[in-house]
Amino acid sequence: MQQLRVQQLADWLADESRPDPLLLDVRESAELEICKIDGSQHIPMHLIPMRCGEIDPARDVVVICHHGGRSMQVAMFLEHNGFSSVFNLMGGVESWAGEVDPGMRRY
């Protein structure tokens, strides 16, 4: 599993020559109602084992949570289940709000 800083993700998403990764937000629904990174796919962490078939293993996957802890666990799970290009978003949406999108609501 690779670690990805929020500015690296912002640069990746802005680079039109590179395919966008799947942004996999593993927070709870109530958290997602407060804020999210545009274009994210939502699968709560506790449902990942049952729904990982919905995730394309051929795509780059960036796993997102509030601070980066839950997403790291999910990223490790995905790697152990055959996903080859998985990134943990370091600092999660909290860092995204602080460094990339200061207008994003925080909690």
C-alpha atoms as a PDB file:
ATOM      1  CA  MET A   1       0.000   0.000   0.000  1.00  0.00           C
ATOM      2  CA  GLN A   2       1.244   3.404  -0.936  1.00  0.00           C
ATOM      3  CA  GLN A   3       0.738   6.620   0.996  1.00  0.00           C
ATOM      4  CA  LEU A   4      -0.520   9.678  -0.865  1.00  0.00           C
ATOM      5  CA  ARG A   5      -0.443  13.247   0.409  1.00  0.00           C
ATOM      6  CA  VAL A   6      -3.483  15.420  -0.281  1.00  0.00           C
ATOM      7  CA  GLN A   7      -1.578  17.791  -2.553  1.00  0.00           C
ATOM      8  CA  GLN A   8      -0.344  14.813  -4.571  1.00  0.00           C
ATOM      9  CA  LEU A   9      -3.962  13.725  -5.028  1.00  0.00           C
ATOM     10  CA  ALA A  10      -5.017  17.244  -6.024  1.00  0.00           C
ATOM     11  CA  ASP A  11      -2.219  17.332  -8.613  1.00  0.00           C
ATOM     12  CA  TRP A  12      -3.219  13.889  -9.903  1.00  0.00           C
ATOM     13  CA  LEU A  13      -6.866  14.923 -10.295  1.00  0.00           C
ATOM     14  CA  ALA A  14      -5.806  18.101 -12.128  1.00  0.00           C
ATOM     15  CA  ASP A  15      -3.547  16.188 -14.551  1.00  0.00           C
ATOM     16  CA  GLU A  16      -5.704  15.548 -17.627  1.00  0.00           C
ATOM     17  CA  SER A  17      -3.052  13.260 -19.123  1.00  0.00           C
ATOM     18  CA  ARG A  18      -3.488  10.759 -16.282  1.00  0.00           C
ATOM     19  CA  PRO A  19      -6.662   8.714 -15.648  1.00  0.00           C
ATOM     20  CA  ASP A  20      -8.450   9.677 -12.456  1.00  0.00           C
ATOM     21  CA  PRO A  21      -8.230   7.162  -9.628  1.00  0.00           C
ATOM     22  CA  LEU A  22     -11.273   5.709  -7.954  1.00  0.00           C
ATOM     23  CA  LEU A  23     -11.796   7.808  -4.821  1.00  0.00           C
ATOM     24  CA  LEU A  24     -13.155   5.358  -2.259  1.00  0.00           C
ATOM     25  CA  ASP A  25     -14.593   7.087   0.813  1.00  0.00           C
ATOM     26  CA  VAL A  26     -14.980   4.597   3.666  1.00  0.00           C
ATOM     27  CA  ARG A  27     -16.469   6.934   6.278  1.00  0.00           C
ATOM     28  CA  GLU A  28     -19.966   6.565   7.699  1.00  0.00           C
ATOM     29  CA  SER A  29     -22.930   8.160   5.905  1.00  0.00           C
ATOM     30  CA  ALA A  30     -23.343  10.861   8.566  1.00  0.00           C
ATOM     31  CA  GLU A  31     -19.729  11.944   8.015  1.00  0.00           C
ATOM     32  CA  LEU A  32     -20.236  12.065   4.268  1.00  0.00           C
ATOM     33  CA  GLU A  33     -23.199  14.408   4.734  1.00  0.00           C
ATOM     34  CA  ILE A  34     -20.854  16.947   6.331  1.00  0.00           C
ATOM     35  CA  CYS A  35     -18.192  16.933   3.623  1.00  0.00           C
ATOM     36  CA  LYS A  36     -16.679  14.857   0.848  1.00  0.00           C
ATOM     37  CA  ILE A  37     -14.203  15.083  -1.986  1.00  0.00           C
ATOM     38  CA  ASP A  38     -16.120  15.491  -5.241  1.00  0.00           C
ATOM     39  CA  GLY A  39     -16.364  12.324  -7.288  1.00  0.00           C
ATOM     40  CA  SER A  40     -15.894   9.955  -4.357  1.00  0.00           C
ATOM     41  CA  GLN A  41     -17.573   6.559  -4.279  1.00  0.00           C
ATOM     42  CA  HIS A  42     -18.974   5.759  -0.843  1.00  0.00           C
ATOM     43  CA  ILE A  43     -18.683   2.322   0.724  1.00  0.00           C
ATOM     44  CA  PRO A  44     -18.568   2.435   4.548  1.00  0.00           C
ATOM     45  CA  MET A  45     -15.612   0.588   6.039  1.00  0.00           C
ATOM     46  CA  HIS A  46     -17.737  -2.134   7.649  1.00  0.00           C
ATOM     47  CA  LEU A  47     -19.279  -3.002   4.260  1.00  0.00           C
ATOM     48  CA  ILE A  48     -16.007  -3.287   2.313  1.00  0.00           C
ATOM     49  CA  PRO A  49     -15.686  -7.095   2.746  1.00  0.00           C
ATOM     50  CA  MET A  50     -19.196  -7.586   1.341  1.00  0.00           C
ATOM     51  CA  ARG A  51     -18.969  -4.951  -1.407  1.00  0.00           C
ATOM     52  CA  CYS A  52     -15.351  -5.039  -2.583  1.00  0.00           C
ATOM     53  CA  GLY A  53     -16.617  -6.701  -5.769  1.00  0.00           C
ATOM     54  CA  GLU A  54     -17.974  -3.264  -6.740  1.00  0.00           C
ATOM     55  CA  ILE A  55     -14.419  -1.912  -6.899  1.00  0.00           C
ATOM     56  CA  ASP A  56     -12.487  -2.359 -10.147  1.00  0.00           C
ATOM     57  CA  PRO A  57      -9.170  -4.061  -9.218  1.00  0.00           C
ATOM     58  CA  ALA A  58      -7.591  -2.802 -12.462  1.00  0.00           C
ATOM     59  CA  ARG A  59      -8.016   0.848 -11.399  1.00  0.00           C
ATOM     60  CA  ASP A  60      -5.893   2.967  -9.112  1.00  0.00           C
ATOM     61  CA  VAL A  61      -7.833   3.236  -5.846  1.00  0.00           C
ATOM     62  CA  VAL A  62      -7.369   6.060  -3.334  1.00  0.00           C
ATOM     63  CA  VAL A  63      -8.978   5.195  -0.007  1.00  0.00           C
ATOM     64  CA  ILE A  64     -10.274   8.138   2.031  1.00  0.00           C
ATOM     65  CA  CYS A  65     -11.520   8.613   5.590  1.00  0.00           C
ATOM     66  CA  HIS A  66     -11.474  11.433   8.167  1.00  0.00           C
ATOM     67  CA  HIS A  67      -7.810  11.329   9.250  1.00  0.00           C
ATOM     68  CA  GLY A  68      -6.261   8.367   7.390  1.00  0.00           C
ATOM     69  CA  GLY A  69      -6.515   5.535   9.929  1.00  0.00           C
ATOM     70  CA  ARG A  70      -9.593   3.693   8.708  1.00  0.00           C
ATOM     71  CA  SER A  71      -8.558   4.220   5.106  1.00  0.00           C
ATOM     72  CA  MET A  72      -5.173   2.638   5.837  1.00  0.00           C
ATOM     73  CA  GLN A  73      -6.887  -0.460   7.212  1.00  0.00           C
ATOM     74  CA  VAL A  74      -9.163  -0.688   4.167  1.00  0.00           C
ATOM     75  CA  ALA A  75      -6.218  -0.159   1.796  1.00  0.00           C
ATOM     76  CA  MET A  76      -4.350  -3.038   3.462  1.00  0.00           C
ATOM     77  CA  PHE A  77      -7.480  -5.222   3.200  1.00  0.00           C
ATOM     78  CA  LEU A  78      -7.821  -4.449  -0.513  1.00  0.00           C
ATOM     79  CA  GLU A  79      -4.170  -5.242  -1.165  1.00  0.00           C
ATOM     80  CA  HIS A  80      -4.524  -8.561   0.650  1.00  0.00           C
ATOM     81  CA  ASN A  81      -7.489  -9.285  -1.594  1.00  0.00           C
ATOM     82  CA  GLY A  82      -5.740  -8.804  -4.924  1.00  0.00           C
ATOM     83  CA  PHE A  83      -5.902  -5.065  -5.560  1.00  0.00           C
ATOM     84  CA  SER A  84      -2.534  -4.008  -6.940  1.00  0.00           C
ATOM     85  CA  SER A  85      -2.681  -0.206  -7.001  1.00  0.00           C
ATOM     86  CA  VAL A  86      -4.049   1.058  -3.702  1.00  0.00           C
ATOM     87  CA  PHE A  87      -3.224   4.367  -2.029  1.00  0.00           C
ATOM     88  CA  ASN A  88      -4.079   5.616   1.450  1.00  0.00           C
ATOM     89  CA  LEU A  89      -4.888   9.331   1.571  1.00  0.00           C
ATOM     90  CA  MET A  90      -2.727  10.578   4.424  1.00  0.00           C
ATOM     91  CA  GLY A  91      -4.617  12.907   6.746  1.00  0.00           C
ATOM     92  CA  GLY A  92      -7.943  12.174   5.025  1.00  0.00           C
ATOM     93  CA  VAL A  93     -10.590  14.801   4.393  1.00  0.00           C
ATOM     94  CA  GLU A  94      -9.292  16.790   7.355  1.00  0.00           C
ATOM     95  CA  SER A  95      -5.987  17.403   5.548  1.00  0.00           C
ATOM     96  CA  TRP A  96      -7.807  17.939   2.245  1.00  0.00           C
ATOM     97  CA  ALA A  97      -9.834  20.728   3.879  1.00  0.00           C
ATOM     98  CA  GLY A  98      -6.740  22.245   5.464  1.00  0.00           C
ATOM     99  CA  GLU A  99      -4.429  22.132   2.448  1.00  0.00           C
ATOM    100  CA  VAL A 100      -6.498  21.855  -0.739  1.00  0.00           C
ATOM    101  CA  ASP A 101     -10.072  23.037  -0.156  1.00  0.00           C
ATOM    102  CA  PRO A 102     -10.242  25.487   2.769  1.00  0.00           C
ATOM    103  CA  GLY A 103     -13.945  26.092   2.083  1.00  0.00           C
ATOM    104  CA  MET A 104     -14.796  22.471   2.901  1.00  0.00           C
ATOM    105  CA  ARG A 105     -16.764  21.922   6.091  1.00  0.00           C
ATOM    106  CA  ARG A 106     -14.802  20.247   8.875  1.00  0.00           C
ATOM    107  CA  TYR A 107     -15.739  18.166  11.875  1.00  0.00           C
END
